[in-house]
């Protein structure tokens, strides 16, 4: 699997959709897309399914981290 394109921000998605996409991926029904870090990291504070989904995404390095401007 190729590394995420760090230049293009993926669409923001709700928790339930992310969990569903990851579960579909685990069944072999879907290629694992790139997810926005702002959507993935909060899953780590969620229920068991959300934590499992976040773990899959993070382990596969399918997270887009937006660049932070230093104000300069």
N, C-alpha and C. Protein backbone atom coordinates (compact mmCIF):
# COMPACT_ATOMS: atom_id res chain seq x y z
N UNK A 1 0.85 -1.17 0.00
CA UNK A 1 0.00 0.00 0.00
C UNK A 1 0.90 1.23 0.00
N UNK A 2 0.59 2.20 -0.84
CA UNK A 2 1.41 3.40 -0.93
C UNK A 2 1.17 4.32 0.26
N UNK A 3 2.15 5.20 0.49
CA UNK A 3 2.04 6.15 1.59
C UNK A 3 0.98 7.20 1.24
N UNK A 4 0.30 7.75 2.25
CA UNK A 4 -0.72 8.76 2.00
C UNK A 4 -0.12 10.00 1.34
N UNK A 5 -0.90 10.63 0.47
CA UNK A 5 -0.50 11.89 -0.13
C UNK A 5 -0.74 12.99 0.89
N UNK A 6 0.32 13.54 1.42
CA UNK A 6 0.21 14.52 2.51
C UNK A 6 -0.24 15.90 2.02
N UNK A 7 -0.40 16.07 0.72
CA UNK A 7 -0.79 17.37 0.18
C UNK A 7 -2.30 17.55 0.08
N UNK A 8 -3.05 16.47 0.07
CA UNK A 8 -4.49 16.54 -0.18
C UNK A 8 -5.25 16.10 1.07
N UNK A 9 -6.04 17.01 1.60
CA UNK A 9 -6.83 16.71 2.79
C UNK A 9 -8.04 15.86 2.41
N UNK A 10 -8.21 14.71 3.06
CA UNK A 10 -9.40 13.89 2.78
C UNK A 10 -10.64 14.53 3.38
N UNK A 11 -11.81 14.11 2.94
CA UNK A 11 -13.04 14.66 3.53
C UNK A 11 -13.16 14.27 4.99
N UNK A 12 -13.78 15.13 5.77
CA UNK A 12 -14.03 14.82 7.18
C UNK A 12 -15.23 13.89 7.24
N UNK A 13 -15.13 12.87 8.11
CA UNK A 13 -16.16 11.84 8.20
C UNK A 13 -16.61 11.62 9.63
N UNK A 14 -17.89 11.26 9.83
CA UNK A 14 -18.38 10.96 11.18
C UNK A 14 -17.83 9.61 11.66
N UNK A 15 -17.79 9.47 12.97
CA UNK A 15 -17.26 8.25 13.61
C UNK A 15 -17.92 6.99 13.07
N UNK A 16 -19.24 7.00 12.99
CA UNK A 16 -19.96 5.78 12.58
C UNK A 16 -19.58 5.36 11.16
N UNK A 17 -19.37 6.31 10.28
CA UNK A 17 -18.99 5.98 8.91
C UNK A 17 -17.56 5.42 8.87
N UNK A 18 -16.66 6.01 9.64
CA UNK A 18 -15.28 5.52 9.69
C UNK A 18 -15.26 4.07 10.18
N UNK A 19 -15.98 3.80 11.25
CA UNK A 19 -16.02 2.43 11.79
C UNK A 19 -16.58 1.47 10.74
N UNK A 20 -17.64 1.86 10.05
CA UNK A 20 -18.21 1.02 9.02
C UNK A 20 -17.25 0.77 7.87
N UNK A 21 -16.52 1.79 7.46
CA UNK A 21 -15.54 1.63 6.38
C UNK A 21 -14.42 0.68 6.78
N UNK A 22 -13.95 0.81 8.02
CA UNK A 22 -12.87 -0.07 8.49
C UNK A 22 -13.36 -1.50 8.59
N UNK A 23 -14.56 -1.70 9.08
CA UNK A 23 -15.11 -3.06 9.17
C UNK A 23 -15.28 -3.66 7.78
N UNK A 24 -15.69 -2.86 6.80
CA UNK A 24 -15.81 -3.34 5.42
C UNK A 24 -14.42 -3.69 4.86
N UNK A 25 -13.45 -2.87 5.19
CA UNK A 25 -12.07 -3.16 4.75
C UNK A 25 -11.58 -4.48 5.34
N UNK A 26 -11.89 -4.73 6.58
CA UNK A 26 -11.43 -5.96 7.23
C UNK A 26 -12.11 -7.20 6.64
N UNK A 27 -13.27 -7.02 6.05
CA UNK A 27 -13.96 -8.12 5.36
C UNK A 27 -13.46 -8.27 3.92
N UNK A 28 -12.55 -7.39 3.50
CA UNK A 28 -12.01 -7.45 2.15
C UNK A 28 -12.86 -6.75 1.11
N UNK A 29 -13.83 -5.96 1.57
CA UNK A 29 -14.76 -5.34 0.64
C UNK A 29 -14.36 -3.93 0.22
N UNK A 30 -13.26 -3.40 0.75
CA UNK A 30 -12.94 -2.00 0.51
C UNK A 30 -11.45 -1.77 0.67
N UNK A 31 -10.89 -0.99 -0.24
CA UNK A 31 -9.50 -0.52 -0.11
C UNK A 31 -9.48 0.50 1.03
N UNK A 32 -8.45 0.49 1.82
CA UNK A 32 -8.37 1.38 2.98
C UNK A 32 -8.02 2.80 2.53
N UNK A 33 -8.95 3.74 2.68
CA UNK A 33 -8.68 5.12 2.27
C UNK A 33 -7.84 5.85 3.31
N UNK A 34 -7.54 7.10 3.04
CA UNK A 34 -6.83 7.96 3.97
C UNK A 34 -7.88 8.74 4.77
N UNK A 35 -7.65 8.88 6.06
CA UNK A 35 -8.58 9.58 6.94
C UNK A 35 -7.89 10.79 7.57
N UNK A 36 -8.67 11.80 7.88
CA UNK A 36 -8.17 13.02 8.52
C UNK A 36 -7.86 12.72 9.99
N UNK A 37 -6.70 13.17 10.46
CA UNK A 37 -6.30 12.93 11.85
C UNK A 37 -7.33 13.48 12.83
N UNK A 38 -7.98 14.58 12.47
CA UNK A 38 -9.00 15.16 13.34
C UNK A 38 -10.21 14.27 13.53
N UNK A 39 -10.37 13.29 12.65
CA UNK A 39 -11.47 12.32 12.78
C UNK A 39 -10.99 11.03 13.43
N UNK A 40 -9.73 10.66 13.17
CA UNK A 40 -9.20 9.38 13.66
C UNK A 40 -8.81 9.43 15.13
N UNK A 41 -8.08 10.44 15.53
CA UNK A 41 -7.55 10.48 16.90
C UNK A 41 -8.65 10.48 17.97
N UNK A 42 -9.78 11.18 17.77
CA UNK A 42 -10.84 11.11 18.77
C UNK A 42 -11.45 9.70 18.94
N UNK A 43 -11.29 8.84 17.92
CA UNK A 43 -11.80 7.47 18.04
C UNK A 43 -11.11 6.72 19.18
N UNK A 44 -9.89 7.12 19.51
CA UNK A 44 -9.15 6.45 20.58
C UNK A 44 -9.81 6.62 21.95
N UNK A 45 -10.71 7.60 22.06
CA UNK A 45 -11.46 7.81 23.31
C UNK A 45 -12.86 7.21 23.23
N UNK A 46 -13.13 6.44 22.18
CA UNK A 46 -14.47 5.90 21.95
C UNK A 46 -14.67 4.51 22.51
N UNK A 47 -15.68 3.85 21.96
CA UNK A 47 -15.98 2.49 22.39
C UNK A 47 -15.01 1.50 21.74
N UNK A 48 -15.22 0.23 22.00
CA UNK A 48 -14.29 -0.81 21.53
C UNK A 48 -14.16 -0.82 20.00
N UNK A 49 -15.26 -0.67 19.29
CA UNK A 49 -15.22 -0.67 17.82
C UNK A 49 -14.48 0.55 17.28
N UNK A 50 -14.68 1.70 17.91
CA UNK A 50 -14.00 2.91 17.47
C UNK A 50 -12.49 2.82 17.72
N UNK A 51 -12.11 2.30 18.86
CA UNK A 51 -10.68 2.14 19.17
C UNK A 51 -10.04 1.16 18.19
N UNK A 52 -10.73 0.07 17.90
CA UNK A 52 -10.21 -0.91 16.95
C UNK A 52 -10.06 -0.29 15.56
N UNK A 53 -11.02 0.51 15.14
CA UNK A 53 -10.94 1.17 13.83
C UNK A 53 -9.74 2.12 13.80
N UNK A 54 -9.57 2.92 14.84
CA UNK A 54 -8.43 3.84 14.90
C UNK A 54 -7.12 3.07 14.84
N UNK A 55 -7.04 1.96 15.53
CA UNK A 55 -5.81 1.16 15.55
C UNK A 55 -5.47 0.66 14.15
N UNK A 56 -6.46 0.21 13.40
CA UNK A 56 -6.23 -0.25 12.02
C UNK A 56 -5.71 0.89 11.16
N UNK A 57 -6.35 2.04 11.26
CA UNK A 57 -5.95 3.20 10.45
C UNK A 57 -4.54 3.65 10.80
N UNK A 58 -4.25 3.75 12.08
CA UNK A 58 -2.93 4.21 12.51
C UNK A 58 -1.84 3.21 12.14
N UNK A 59 -2.10 1.93 12.32
CA UNK A 59 -1.11 0.90 11.99
C UNK A 59 -0.80 0.87 10.49
N UNK A 60 -1.78 1.19 9.68
CA UNK A 60 -1.59 1.19 8.23
C UNK A 60 -1.05 2.52 7.70
N UNK A 61 -0.84 3.48 8.59
CA UNK A 61 -0.35 4.81 8.22
C UNK A 61 -1.25 5.45 7.17
N UNK A 62 -2.55 5.39 7.41
CA UNK A 62 -3.53 5.97 6.48
C UNK A 62 -4.17 7.21 7.09
N UNK A 63 -3.32 8.06 7.71
CA UNK A 63 -3.80 9.25 8.39
C UNK A 63 -3.19 10.49 7.74
N UNK A 64 -4.03 11.47 7.45
CA UNK A 64 -3.59 12.76 6.96
C UNK A 64 -3.47 13.69 8.15
N UNK A 65 -2.26 14.20 8.34
CA UNK A 65 -2.01 15.19 9.40
C UNK A 65 -1.83 16.55 8.72
N UNK A 66 -2.75 17.48 8.95
CA UNK A 66 -2.61 18.78 8.30
C UNK A 66 -1.38 19.52 8.80
N UNK A 67 -0.77 20.28 7.89
CA UNK A 67 0.38 21.07 8.29
C UNK A 67 -0.08 22.18 9.21
N UNK A 68 0.74 22.46 10.19
CA UNK A 68 0.44 23.52 11.14
C UNK A 68 1.34 24.70 10.82
N UNK A 69 0.74 25.83 10.58
CA UNK A 69 1.50 27.03 10.28
C UNK A 69 2.11 27.60 11.56
N UNK A 70 3.34 28.04 11.46
CA UNK A 70 3.99 28.61 12.64
C UNK A 70 3.74 30.11 12.73
N UNK A 71 2.86 30.62 11.86
CA UNK A 71 2.48 32.02 11.91
C UNK A 71 3.44 32.92 11.14
N UNK A 72 4.43 32.34 10.52
CA UNK A 72 5.45 33.15 9.83
C UNK A 72 5.40 33.13 8.41
